[in-house]
Amino acid sequence: MTYSRLPYLYLLFIITLISCKAKEEEVVTLPVLPPVVTPTTPDKEILDKVQQATLQYFWEYAHPVSGMARERTGSGDLVTSGGTGFGISALIVGVNRGWINRAEAVDRLTKMCEFLKNADRFHGAWSHWLDGSTGKAIAFSPKDNGGDLVETSFLINGLLTARAYFNGADAKETELRQKITQLWETVEWDWYASRGDGQLYWHWSPEYNWEMNLPIRGWNECLITYILALSSPTHAISPAVYQNTFQGSGFVNSQVYQGYALNIGTSYGGPLFFAHYSFLGLDPRQMQDQYTNYWQHNVKHTLINRAYCLYEAPKAYGYQAGLWGLTASDDPEGYKAHQPMDDNGTVSPTAAISSMPYTPYYSMQVLRYMYTTLNNQVYGKYGFYDAYNKPRGWVAKDYLAIDQGPIVIMIENYRSGLLWDLFHQIPEIQTGLTKANIKQPNSETGFYLAIPEIRSGVYDLLKHPDQNQYPIDVAIQAAGNFTLTLEKEDGSMAETIWQTEQKGPGLYPVNFGENVPAGKYTLKLSSAAGEKILAVYLH
C-alpha cells in the first residue's frame, strides 16, 4: 500500500522546498547518553511545565502585528495559517488552566480575526503562508500562491473551537464569536470542488488557476478538511465528493504490520501526524464508519510506529522505550516526513508526545526521557526542539508551529478531553459527521478502546496525572447488571469497582486503583451474558 500518487509527490516537493527555505541548523555534538531513569518528579508537574513552555511559542512568540503564529523560529514576518489554527487551540488550553488571562486571550483572538478578515483570501480560503504585517499571501511553492484548503481547515478548526470555548455574554466575547462565524461562513469549500469532476482540490490560485491539480485524497491528515467542508452552513460540498476523492483509491489498507491490522491508510500507517492533525478537535473515540473505528486505527498506527522503532529499525539508530516516534519534522538534511518506510534515525518529540491520548504510558516514557535525561540538549525556551538524531549527534534548534501545537493540544486531550469536548459541541460539526456517515461506535461489551501491546498481550496503564487513579473505558452494548473487578495474578481480589450495578448501553469512563500497588492484574467485567477480561499492568 502506498500514498495516492499526487499527494505523495506533492509531499516530496514540499519537503524539498522547506529544506531549501529552512535556515541551516546548528549541529550539536552530544555525549554518550545514560539509560532511561525513573525520576521522582510527578507526571503532573512535568506535563504542566511542557504544556506551559510550548504554548508560549504561540503567545509570546506570536507575530506582533497580527497575533498569528510564525512558521518557525526565525521566520520573521512569515506566518502560517494552519499553524495558527493549532496555536488557537493551544491558547484555549492556557486559558483553561489559568496560565493565560482570559480577557487578554480574547483580545489576541479578536486581533487575529481582524487580520484574517482583511488578509488575502481566495474564494474564502487563506494561503498556507502570509505576511504577518500586511496579510498578503506568500507563495509556498512557485504555483502555490493562492488558497490552500487544507491549511484553511486547520485554521477554521481552531477558530470554531475558540467560538465554542469563549461563550461569555459580555460584549467582547460576543463580538469574537460573531467575527469567527463570519470567517467560517465565507470559506467557499464548494468552490474547491467546482471543476466538474466530483473531486475536492487542495489549491486554487487566480494566477495559476487549478494548475497545482492536487485532489485531496486519503488516507492522510485531511479528514478534518472534509468534515468542515461537509459541515459548512453556506458552502457545503456533497457527501459524494468526500466519497469520490478522500475515500477513493489508496484509502483502504487491510494489511498487518508488527502484529497490528490497519483497515485504512498507507504502509505502517505513515508519519504519525496523520493521527494528530485531524484529531486535535475531532474525537476519534466517537468515530466509526464502514471502513474503520478511528480510535482503534490511531492507537494501532501509534503502536506500529513504536514497534517498528524498537524491534525493526536499525540498532544503530539507538531507539529505545524512551526514544521513538517518527513524523514530519526538521532533519539533518532539511525536512523529512519520517516514517517506518523512510527513516534515518531522526526522532521528532511531537510524534510520541502528541500521541499521548492513544498510548499514555509509552508516550510518557518518551516525554520523561527527553525531559529528565536529555533535558537541555533537546529542550529550550518553547519546549522540545523540533527533532533529534542520536546516531549523528544532531539536534534541530528550531521550533515549528505545526509541531508545537499538537503537543499542547493532545496532552490536554489526554488529560481532560477539553478540545475534543468543545469541538463536538459545535452543531455544524455534528451535521458534517452525519453526512460523512461517521457515527458513534456500537461496540460489543468490554474494553474495546484498550489495545494491548501485541508482544506481551498486556495493556499498560498509566496512573492519570490529575486524578491519581487508573482510567479505563468500559463499553456496554446491552443493558444489564454488571460487576467490574480488579484481580491479582493469584486470582485474589484487589478492588471491586462495580458490584452488580445496572448499566444501560454506552461507554463508561471508570477510574480505579488509587491505593493499589503497581504490577500485573486482570480487569474482569461480569454479567449474565458472560465475562470480558483484560490483562493490565499498572504503572
Protein backbone atom coordinates (compact mmCIF):
# COMPACT_ATOMS: atom_id res chain seq x y z
CA MET A 1 0.00 0.00 0.00
CA THR A 2 1.38 3.43 -0.95
CA TYR A 3 0.25 7.01 -0.80
CA SER A 4 -2.06 8.26 -3.52
CA ARG A 5 0.34 9.37 -6.22
CA LEU A 6 -0.38 13.09 -6.40
CA PRO A 7 -0.43 13.83 -2.65
CA TYR A 8 2.77 11.85 -2.15
CA LEU A 9 4.59 13.67 -4.95
CA TYR A 10 3.38 16.97 -3.53
CA LEU A 11 4.64 15.95 -0.09
CA LEU A 12 8.06 15.21 -1.56
CA PHE A 13 8.03 18.60 -3.27
CA ILE A 14 7.07 20.35 -0.04
CA ILE A 15 9.86 18.59 1.84
CA THR A 16 12.40 19.70 -0.75
CA LEU A 17 11.07 23.25 -0.66
CA ILE A 18 11.11 23.53 3.12
CA SER A 19 14.58 22.03 3.20
CA CYS A 20 15.76 24.84 0.95
CA LYS A 21 13.92 27.56 2.87
CA ALA A 22 14.85 26.40 6.37
CA LYS A 23 17.86 28.11 7.81
CA GLU A 24 20.92 25.97 8.37
CA GLU A 25 20.60 24.13 11.67
CA GLU A 26 23.21 24.18 14.38
CA VAL A 27 24.94 20.80 14.65
CA VAL A 28 25.50 19.78 18.25
CA THR A 29 27.85 17.01 19.36
CA LEU A 30 26.18 15.09 22.16
CA PRO A 31 27.83 12.97 24.84
CA VAL A 32 27.05 9.29 25.30
CA LEU A 33 23.62 9.21 26.90
CA PRO A 34 22.79 7.40 30.14
CA PRO A 35 20.00 4.82 30.20
CA VAL A 36 16.38 5.70 30.95
CA VAL A 37 15.97 6.68 34.59
CA THR A 38 12.87 6.81 36.78
CA PRO A 39 12.81 10.34 38.20
CA THR A 40 10.72 11.29 41.20
CA THR A 41 9.16 14.36 39.60
CA PRO A 42 5.38 13.71 39.34
CA ASP A 43 3.92 13.34 35.86
CA LYS A 44 1.57 16.25 36.53
CA GLU A 45 4.43 18.64 37.19
CA ILE A 46 6.28 17.60 34.03
CA LEU A 47 3.16 17.84 31.86
CA ASP A 48 2.34 21.28 33.26
CA LYS A 49 5.83 22.56 32.52
CA VAL A 50 5.91 21.14 29.00
CA GLN A 51 2.48 22.49 28.09
CA GLN A 52 3.23 25.92 29.57
CA ALA A 53 6.57 26.28 27.82
CA THR A 54 5.28 25.02 24.48
CA LEU A 55 2.21 27.24 24.30
CA GLN A 56 4.44 30.29 24.81
CA TYR A 57 5.52 29.77 21.21
CA PHE A 58 2.01 30.91 20.25
CA TRP A 59 1.58 33.51 22.98
CA GLU A 60 4.95 35.18 23.47
CA TYR A 61 6.47 34.47 20.05
CA ALA A 62 3.35 35.31 18.00
CA HIS A 63 3.65 37.94 15.29
CA PRO A 64 3.35 41.35 16.98
CA VAL A 65 1.03 42.89 14.37
CA SER A 66 -1.36 40.06 13.52
CA GLY A 67 -1.06 37.76 16.54
CA MET A 68 -0.65 34.87 14.08
CA ALA A 69 1.80 32.02 14.62
CA ARG A 70 5.14 32.33 12.89
CA GLU A 71 6.03 29.35 10.69
CA ARG A 72 9.14 28.63 12.75
CA THR A 73 11.61 30.44 14.95
CA GLY A 74 13.48 32.92 12.80
CA SER A 75 10.78 33.24 10.13
CA GLY A 76 10.19 36.95 10.79
CA ASP A 77 7.02 38.23 9.12
CA LEU A 78 6.17 34.86 7.58
CA VAL A 79 3.18 33.41 9.43
CA THR A 80 1.28 30.18 8.90
CA SER A 81 -2.48 29.76 8.59
CA GLY A 82 -2.65 26.11 9.67
CA GLY A 83 -0.11 26.52 12.46
CA THR A 84 -2.13 29.46 13.74
CA GLY A 85 -5.18 27.21 13.98
CA PHE A 86 -3.17 24.82 16.13
CA GLY A 87 -1.98 27.76 18.20
CA ILE A 88 -5.52 28.99 18.86
CA SER A 89 -6.43 25.65 20.41
CA ALA A 90 -3.21 25.73 22.43
CA LEU A 91 -4.13 29.17 23.79
CA ILE A 92 -7.50 27.80 24.89
CA VAL A 93 -5.61 25.22 26.95
CA GLY A 94 -3.58 28.02 28.51
CA VAL A 95 -6.67 29.98 29.45
CA ASN A 96 -8.47 26.94 30.82
CA ARG A 97 -5.52 26.03 33.05
CA GLY A 98 -5.06 29.60 34.28
CA TRP A 99 -1.76 30.20 32.53
CA ILE A 100 -3.13 32.93 30.23
CA ASN A 101 -5.57 35.68 31.17
CA ARG A 102 -8.95 35.09 29.51
CA ALA A 103 -9.57 38.73 28.58
CA GLU A 104 -6.11 39.04 27.06
CA ALA A 105 -6.70 35.89 25.03
CA VAL A 106 -10.00 37.31 23.73
CA ASP A 107 -8.19 40.49 22.67
CA ARG A 108 -5.50 38.46 20.91
CA LEU A 109 -8.04 36.33 19.05
CA THR A 110 -10.05 39.39 18.06
CA LYS A 111 -6.89 40.90 16.58
CA MET A 112 -6.28 37.68 14.63
CA CYS A 113 -9.83 37.71 13.28
CA GLU A 114 -9.50 41.30 12.09
CA PHE A 115 -6.24 40.41 10.37
CA LEU A 116 -7.77 37.34 8.71
CA LYS A 117 -10.79 39.31 7.55
CA ASN A 118 -8.56 41.77 5.69
CA ALA A 119 -5.88 39.31 4.56
CA ASP A 120 -5.72 37.90 1.03
CA ARG A 121 -8.38 35.26 0.51
CA PHE A 122 -9.10 33.05 -2.44
CA HIS A 123 -12.78 32.14 -2.57
CA GLY A 124 -12.67 32.37 1.20
CA ALA A 125 -9.58 30.22 1.74
CA TRP A 126 -6.30 31.60 3.01
CA SER A 127 -2.87 30.78 1.66
CA HIS A 128 -0.52 28.47 3.53
CA TRP A 129 1.82 31.36 4.32
CA LEU A 130 1.01 35.05 4.80
CA ASP A 131 2.90 38.21 5.63
CA GLY A 132 2.03 38.81 9.27
CA SER A 133 2.20 42.57 8.86
CA THR A 134 0.31 43.08 5.60
CA GLY A 135 -1.85 39.97 5.19
CA LYS A 136 -0.53 39.42 1.68
CA ALA A 137 -0.18 35.83 0.51
CA ILE A 138 3.35 34.41 0.37
CA ALA A 139 3.90 31.65 -2.18
CA PHE A 140 4.55 28.24 -0.61
CA SER A 141 5.85 26.99 -3.96
CA PRO A 142 6.06 28.56 -7.44
CA LYS A 143 2.41 27.82 -8.31
CA ASP A 144 1.05 27.55 -4.77
CA ASN A 145 0.39 31.25 -4.25
CA GLY A 146 -3.36 31.18 -3.66
CA GLY A 147 -5.83 29.36 -1.46
CA ASP A 148 -4.79 26.27 0.50
CA LEU A 149 -7.94 24.49 1.63
CA VAL A 150 -6.20 22.03 3.97
CA GLU A 151 -4.32 24.73 5.88
CA THR A 152 -7.54 26.75 5.93
CA SER A 153 -9.30 23.80 7.56
CA PHE A 154 -6.66 23.63 10.31
CA LEU A 155 -7.23 27.35 10.93
CA ILE A 156 -11.02 27.06 10.97
CA ASN A 157 -10.77 24.10 13.35
CA GLY A 158 -9.01 26.32 15.87
CA LEU A 159 -11.36 29.25 15.32
CA LEU A 160 -14.51 27.17 15.80
CA THR A 161 -13.06 25.64 18.95
CA ALA A 162 -12.46 29.17 20.24
CA ARG A 163 -16.04 30.12 19.35
CA ALA A 164 -17.26 27.20 21.46
CA TYR A 165 -14.96 27.99 24.40
CA PHE A 166 -15.38 31.76 24.66
CA ASN A 167 -19.11 31.61 25.33
CA GLY A 168 -19.44 34.58 27.68
CA ALA A 169 -22.33 37.03 27.38
CA ASP A 170 -20.11 40.13 27.56
CA ALA A 171 -19.65 42.34 24.53
CA LYS A 172 -16.09 41.27 23.70
CA GLU A 173 -16.71 37.52 23.70
CA THR A 174 -19.97 38.01 21.80
CA GLU A 175 -18.14 40.07 19.18
CA LEU A 176 -15.39 37.45 18.92
CA ARG A 177 -17.92 34.70 18.24
CA GLN A 178 -19.57 36.83 15.56
CA LYS A 179 -16.25 37.50 13.85
CA ILE A 180 -15.37 33.80 13.85
CA THR A 181 -18.76 32.87 12.41
CA GLN A 182 -18.30 35.43 9.63
CA LEU A 183 -14.90 33.98 8.71
CA TRP A 184 -16.22 30.40 8.85
CA GLU A 185 -19.28 31.06 6.72
CA THR A 186 -17.33 32.85 3.98
CA VAL A 187 -14.97 29.94 3.20
CA GLU A 188 -16.16 28.62 -0.17
CA TRP A 189 -15.45 24.93 0.31
CA ASP A 190 -17.71 24.11 -2.64
CA TRP A 191 -15.62 26.28 -4.98
CA TYR A 192 -12.71 23.89 -4.49
CA ALA A 193 -15.00 21.12 -5.79
CA SER A 194 -16.26 23.09 -8.78
CA ARG A 195 -14.12 21.63 -11.58
CA GLY A 196 -16.88 19.27 -12.65
CA ASP A 197 -15.05 16.01 -11.90
CA GLY A 198 -16.64 15.38 -8.49
CA GLN A 199 -13.38 15.92 -6.58
CA LEU A 200 -12.24 18.37 -3.90
CA TYR A 201 -8.97 20.16 -4.63
CA TRP A 202 -6.25 21.37 -2.28
CA HIS A 203 -5.31 24.61 -4.10
CA TRP A 204 -6.62 27.35 -6.30
CA SER A 205 -4.78 30.47 -7.45
CA PRO A 206 -6.05 33.41 -9.55
CA GLU A 207 -2.71 33.37 -11.37
CA TYR A 208 -2.36 29.62 -11.93
CA ASN A 209 -5.98 28.54 -11.58
CA TRP A 210 -6.06 24.75 -10.94
CA GLU A 211 -2.52 24.02 -12.18
CA MET A 212 -1.45 22.53 -8.83
CA ASN A 213 -4.02 19.83 -9.72
CA LEU A 214 -3.98 18.07 -6.35
CA PRO A 215 -7.19 16.31 -5.29
CA ILE A 216 -7.40 15.84 -1.52
CA ARG A 217 -7.20 12.05 -1.34
CA GLY A 218 -6.87 9.89 1.75
CA TRP A 219 -5.79 8.41 3.99
CA ASN A 220 -3.72 11.25 5.44
CA GLU A 221 -4.11 14.33 7.65
CA CYS A 222 -7.05 15.77 5.69
CA LEU A 223 -10.16 14.17 7.22
CA ILE A 224 -10.82 17.44 9.08
CA THR A 225 -10.92 19.28 5.73
CA TYR A 226 -13.80 17.10 4.58
CA ILE A 227 -15.71 17.24 7.86
CA LEU A 228 -15.60 21.04 7.75
CA ALA A 229 -16.47 21.14 4.04
CA LEU A 230 -19.47 18.90 4.74
CA SER A 231 -20.40 20.95 7.83
CA SER A 232 -20.45 24.40 6.23
CA PRO A 233 -23.87 26.06 6.55
CA THR A 234 -23.18 28.23 3.49
CA HIS A 235 -20.78 26.43 1.12
CA ALA A 236 -21.03 22.71 1.84
CA ILE A 237 -19.77 20.03 -0.52
CA SER A 238 -21.83 16.92 -1.20
CA PRO A 239 -21.11 13.58 0.50
CA ALA A 240 -20.37 12.19 -2.97
CA VAL A 241 -17.32 14.46 -3.25
CA TYR A 242 -16.00 13.07 0.04
CA GLN A 243 -16.57 9.51 -1.11
CA ASN A 244 -15.13 10.04 -4.60
CA THR A 245 -11.98 11.85 -3.51
CA PHE A 246 -10.90 11.11 0.06
CA GLN A 247 -12.23 7.56 0.19
CA GLY A 248 -11.10 6.69 -3.31
CA SER A 249 -8.00 4.83 -4.48
CA GLY A 250 -5.44 4.28 -1.72
CA PHE A 251 -7.85 4.67 1.21
CA VAL A 252 -8.31 1.01 2.19
CA ASN A 253 -5.36 -0.98 3.54
CA SER A 254 -6.29 -4.32 5.21
CA GLN A 255 -2.67 -5.25 5.98
CA VAL A 256 -0.92 -6.26 9.21
CA TYR A 257 2.22 -4.52 10.49
CA GLN A 258 4.08 -5.56 13.64
CA GLY A 259 1.04 -7.68 14.50
CA TYR A 260 -1.49 -4.82 14.26
CA ALA A 261 -4.09 -4.78 11.47
CA LEU A 262 -4.83 -1.48 9.72
CA ASN A 263 -8.10 -1.16 7.83
CA ILE A 264 -7.17 2.10 6.11
CA GLY A 265 -4.08 4.10 5.25
CA THR A 266 -0.62 3.59 3.90
CA SER A 267 2.08 1.07 4.83
CA TYR A 268 2.88 1.10 8.56
CA GLY A 269 0.30 3.89 8.91
CA GLY A 270 2.57 6.64 7.57
CA PRO A 271 4.03 9.51 9.64
CA LEU A 272 2.31 9.99 12.99
CA PHE A 273 0.92 13.43 12.16
CA PHE A 274 -1.82 11.52 10.31
CA ALA A 275 -3.10 10.53 13.79
CA HIS A 276 -2.80 14.09 15.13
CA TYR A 277 -3.83 16.92 12.82
CA SER A 278 -7.42 15.89 12.12
CA PHE A 279 -7.89 14.72 15.69
CA LEU A 280 -6.94 17.87 17.55
CA GLY A 281 -10.67 18.62 17.58
CA LEU A 282 -12.31 15.51 16.20
CA ASP A 283 -12.66 12.90 18.95
CA PRO A 284 -11.77 9.50 17.48
CA ARG A 285 -13.43 7.73 20.42
CA GLN A 286 -16.75 8.84 18.93
CA MET A 287 -16.00 7.97 15.31
CA GLN A 288 -16.65 4.84 13.29
CA ASP A 289 -17.72 4.28 9.70
CA GLN A 290 -17.96 1.36 7.30
CA TYR A 291 -14.17 1.30 6.95
CA THR A 292 -12.74 1.59 10.45
CA ASN A 293 -13.05 2.59 14.07
CA TYR A 294 -10.92 5.75 14.12
CA TRP A 295 -9.78 5.38 17.73
CA GLN A 296 -8.54 1.86 17.15
CA HIS A 297 -6.89 2.92 13.90
CA ASN A 298 -4.96 5.75 15.55
CA VAL A 299 -3.89 3.61 18.50
CA LYS A 300 -2.68 0.83 16.21
CA HIS A 301 -0.89 3.34 13.98
CA THR A 302 0.96 4.64 17.04
CA LEU A 303 1.77 1.15 18.31
CA ILE A 304 3.09 0.17 14.87
CA ASN A 305 5.32 3.25 14.79
CA ARG A 306 6.69 2.42 18.24
CA ALA A 307 7.12 -1.29 17.48
CA TYR A 308 8.99 -0.52 14.27
CA CYS A 309 11.40 1.73 16.18
CA LEU A 310 12.01 -0.80 18.96
CA TYR A 311 12.08 -4.07 17.02
CA GLU A 312 12.66 -3.45 13.30
CA ALA A 313 14.68 -0.28 12.81
CA PRO A 314 18.49 -0.45 12.53
CA LYS A 315 20.01 -0.86 16.01
CA ALA A 316 22.48 1.91 15.22
CA TYR A 317 19.64 4.44 15.45
CA GLY A 318 19.54 3.92 19.21
CA TYR A 319 15.77 3.73 19.55
CA GLN A 320 14.50 2.52 22.93
CA ALA A 321 11.45 2.74 25.18
CA GLY A 322 12.22 6.40 25.90
CA LEU A 323 13.26 7.34 22.36
CA TRP A 324 10.89 6.59 19.49
CA GLY A 325 8.42 8.44 17.28
CA LEU A 326 8.57 9.17 13.55
CA THR A 327 6.74 12.01 11.85
CA ALA A 328 7.37 15.02 9.62
CA SER A 329 9.92 17.41 11.11
CA ASP A 330 13.29 19.04 10.61
CA ASP A 331 16.09 16.69 9.69
CA PRO A 332 19.90 16.77 9.35
CA GLU A 333 19.35 17.33 5.60
CA GLY A 334 16.50 19.81 5.95
CA TYR A 335 12.97 18.44 6.38
CA LYS A 336 11.51 14.94 6.00
CA ALA A 337 8.23 13.10 6.57
CA HIS A 338 9.85 10.47 8.81
CA GLN A 339 8.04 7.14 8.99
CA PRO A 340 8.96 3.45 9.05
CA MET A 341 9.16 3.46 5.25
CA ASP A 342 11.51 6.47 5.28
CA ASP A 343 13.61 6.50 8.45
CA ASN A 344 17.11 7.86 9.05
CA GLY A 345 17.25 7.81 12.86
CA THR A 346 15.54 11.17 13.42
CA VAL A 347 13.07 11.25 16.31
CA SER A 348 10.56 14.10 16.43
CA PRO A 349 9.38 14.81 20.01
CA THR A 350 5.93 15.78 18.73
CA ALA A 351 5.43 12.26 17.33
CA ALA A 352 5.21 10.26 20.57
CA ILE A 353 4.18 13.14 22.84
CA SER A 354 1.24 14.18 20.64
CA SER A 355 0.17 10.52 20.66
CA MET A 356 -0.41 10.64 24.42
CA PRO A 357 -4.19 10.07 24.21
CA TYR A 358 -3.51 6.84 22.31
CA THR A 359 -0.52 5.45 24.23
CA PRO A 360 -0.27 7.34 27.54
CA TYR A 361 2.30 5.11 29.22
CA TYR A 362 4.56 4.73 26.18
CA SER A 363 4.31 8.43 25.29
CA MET A 364 5.10 9.43 28.86
CA GLN A 365 8.22 7.24 28.73
CA VAL A 366 9.45 9.35 25.81
CA LEU A 367 8.49 12.64 27.43
CA ARG A 368 10.22 11.71 30.69
CA TYR A 369 13.38 10.51 28.98
CA MET A 370 13.67 13.62 26.85
CA TYR A 371 12.76 15.96 29.70
CA THR A 372 14.81 14.44 32.51
CA THR A 373 17.69 12.62 30.79
CA LEU A 374 18.34 14.51 27.55
CA ASN A 375 17.00 17.69 29.17
CA ASN A 376 18.53 20.90 27.79
CA GLN A 377 20.10 19.03 24.90
CA VAL A 378 16.64 18.77 23.34
CA TYR A 379 14.61 21.23 25.45
CA GLY A 380 14.63 25.00 25.43
CA LYS A 381 12.56 28.15 25.89
CA TYR A 382 9.50 26.90 23.99
CA GLY A 383 9.68 23.25 24.99
CA PHE A 384 11.19 20.43 22.97
CA TYR A 385 13.22 21.31 19.90
CA ASP A 386 11.83 20.02 16.65
CA ALA A 387 13.96 16.90 16.13
CA TYR A 388 16.86 14.81 17.42
CA ASN A 389 19.09 12.34 15.58
CA LYS A 390 21.11 10.37 18.15
CA PRO A 391 23.49 8.46 15.83
CA ARG A 392 24.54 11.68 14.11
CA GLY A 393 24.74 13.74 17.30
CA TRP A 394 22.35 16.29 15.80
CA VAL A 395 19.60 18.44 17.29
CA ALA A 396 17.32 20.84 15.40
CA LYS A 397 17.36 24.08 17.35
CA ASP A 398 14.24 25.47 15.66
CA TYR A 399 10.62 25.27 16.79
CA LEU A 400 7.84 24.76 14.20
CA ALA A 401 4.26 25.87 14.79
CA ILE A 402 2.75 22.71 13.29
CA ASP A 403 4.81 20.54 15.67
CA GLN A 404 4.46 22.64 18.83
CA GLY A 405 0.69 23.00 18.66
CA PRO A 406 -0.23 19.29 18.74
CA ILE A 407 1.97 18.76 21.81
CA VAL A 408 -0.09 21.18 23.91
CA ILE A 409 -3.42 20.08 22.45
CA MET A 410 -3.01 16.32 22.56
CA ILE A 411 -1.55 16.31 26.07
CA GLU A 412 -4.68 18.22 27.06
CA ASN A 413 -6.99 15.85 25.23
CA TYR A 414 -5.34 13.06 27.22
CA ARG A 415 -5.65 14.93 30.49
CA SER A 416 -9.17 16.34 30.16
CA GLY A 417 -10.59 15.84 26.65
CA LEU A 418 -11.10 19.62 26.56
CA LEU A 419 -10.61 20.28 22.84
CA TRP A 420 -12.47 17.12 21.82
CA ASP A 421 -15.44 18.05 24.02
CA LEU A 422 -15.56 21.61 22.70
CA PHE A 423 -15.35 20.65 19.04
CA HIS A 424 -18.06 18.00 19.26
CA GLN A 425 -20.40 20.51 20.92
CA ILE A 426 -20.49 22.52 17.67
CA PRO A 427 -23.82 21.83 15.90
CA GLU A 428 -22.39 22.22 12.41
CA ILE A 429 -19.74 19.56 13.10
CA GLN A 430 -22.37 17.00 14.02
CA THR A 431 -24.02 17.74 10.66
CA GLY A 432 -20.75 17.10 8.85
CA LEU A 433 -20.08 13.85 10.68
CA THR A 434 -23.57 12.63 9.79
CA LYS A 435 -23.03 13.47 6.11
CA ALA A 436 -19.73 11.56 6.23
CA ASN A 437 -21.57 8.56 7.69
CA ILE A 438 -19.33 8.68 10.75
CA LYS A 439 -21.24 7.51 13.80
CA GLN A 440 -20.84 6.70 17.46
CA PRO A 441 -19.33 3.20 17.71
CA ASN A 442 -21.77 0.48 18.68
CA SER A 443 -19.11 -1.80 20.10
CA GLU A 444 -19.58 -5.06 21.92
CA THR A 445 -19.45 -5.09 25.69
CA GLY A 446 -15.92 -4.91 27.05
CA PHE A 447 -12.76 -2.82 26.83
CA TYR A 448 -12.60 -2.10 23.10
CA LEU A 449 -10.66 1.18 23.49
CA ALA A 450 -7.84 -0.67 25.27
CA ILE A 451 -5.49 -2.30 22.74
CA PRO A 452 -2.84 -4.47 24.44
CA GLU A 453 0.78 -4.42 23.35
CA ILE A 454 0.98 -7.30 20.89
CA ARG A 455 4.10 -8.99 22.25
CA SER A 456 3.13 -9.02 25.92
CA GLY A 457 -0.62 -9.30 25.47
CA VAL A 458 -0.93 -6.77 28.30
CA TYR A 459 -2.44 -3.29 28.32
CA ASP A 460 -0.04 -0.88 30.05
CA LEU A 461 -1.95 1.63 32.18
CA LEU A 462 -0.52 4.91 33.44
CA LYS A 463 -1.99 6.46 36.57
CA HIS A 464 -3.75 9.64 35.46
CA PRO A 465 -1.64 12.65 36.50
CA ASP A 466 -4.60 14.77 37.61
CA GLN A 467 -6.78 12.10 39.21
CA ASN A 468 -4.18 9.81 40.80
CA GLN A 469 -6.20 6.83 39.59
CA TYR A 470 -6.08 4.50 36.60
CA PRO A 471 -8.59 5.31 33.83
CA ILE A 472 -10.34 2.71 31.68
CA ASP A 473 -13.36 2.97 29.39
CA VAL A 474 -15.95 0.21 29.62
CA ALA A 475 -18.40 -0.34 26.75
CA ILE A 476 -21.85 -1.76 27.41
CA GLN A 477 -23.82 -2.90 24.38
CA ALA A 478 -26.99 -4.18 26.06
CA ALA A 479 -28.48 -3.17 29.41
CA GLY A 480 -27.92 -5.42 32.39
CA ASN A 481 -26.34 -5.84 35.81
CA PHE A 482 -22.55 -5.72 35.73
CA THR A 483 -19.73 -6.39 38.16
CA LEU A 484 -16.29 -4.95 37.44
CA THR A 485 -13.33 -6.19 39.47
CA LEU A 486 -9.55 -5.92 39.56
CA GLU A 487 -7.86 -9.21 40.42
CA LYS A 488 -4.28 -10.02 41.36
CA GLU A 489 -2.22 -12.58 39.47
CA ASP A 490 -3.12 -15.24 42.05
CA GLY A 491 -6.83 -14.62 41.47
CA SER A 492 -7.46 -12.79 44.73
CA MET A 493 -9.44 -9.56 44.74
CA ALA A 494 -7.54 -6.26 44.57
CA GLU A 495 -10.57 -3.97 44.16
CA THR A 496 -14.28 -4.19 43.41
CA ILE A 497 -15.11 -1.29 41.09
CA TRP A 498 -18.76 -2.14 40.29
CA GLN A 499 -20.81 -4.55 42.34
CA THR A 500 -23.89 -5.75 40.42
CA GLU A 501 -24.64 -2.29 39.03
CA GLN A 502 -27.39 -1.64 36.50
CA LYS A 503 -25.91 -0.17 33.31
CA GLY A 504 -27.55 0.83 30.05
CA PRO A 505 -25.86 0.86 26.63
CA GLY A 506 -22.98 3.31 26.37
CA LEU A 507 -19.32 3.99 27.10
CA TYR A 508 -18.46 4.42 30.78
CA PRO A 509 -15.23 6.13 31.89
CA VAL A 510 -14.03 4.37 35.04
CA ASN A 511 -11.28 5.34 37.49
CA PHE A 512 -9.82 2.83 39.92
CA GLY A 513 -6.73 1.68 41.77
CA GLU A 514 -5.81 4.78 43.76
CA ASN A 515 -4.30 2.65 46.54
CA VAL A 516 -3.39 -0.43 44.51
CA PRO A 517 0.35 -1.16 44.13
CA ALA A 518 1.89 -1.18 40.66
CA GLY A 519 2.02 -4.56 38.97
CA LYS A 520 0.17 -7.01 36.74
CA TYR A 521 -3.56 -7.52 37.26
CA THR A 522 -6.71 -8.65 35.47
CA LEU A 523 -9.76 -6.47 34.90
CA LYS A 524 -12.88 -8.63 34.78
CA LEU A 525 -16.32 -7.44 33.62
CA SER A 526 -19.06 -9.93 34.52
CA SER A 527 -22.76 -10.12 33.72
CA ALA A 528 -25.40 -12.72 32.98
CA ALA A 529 -24.15 -12.69 29.37
CA GLY A 530 -20.63 -13.76 30.36
CA GLU A 531 -17.21 -12.30 31.17
CA LYS A 532 -14.80 -9.93 29.45
CA ILE A 533 -11.20 -9.99 30.65
CA LEU A 534 -8.32 -7.56 30.11
CA ALA A 535 -4.77 -8.18 31.35
CA VAL A 536 -3.30 -4.89 32.57
CA TYR A 537 -0.05 -3.67 34.03
CA LEU A 538 -0.49 -0.74 36.41
CA HIS A 539 2.48 1.65 36.31
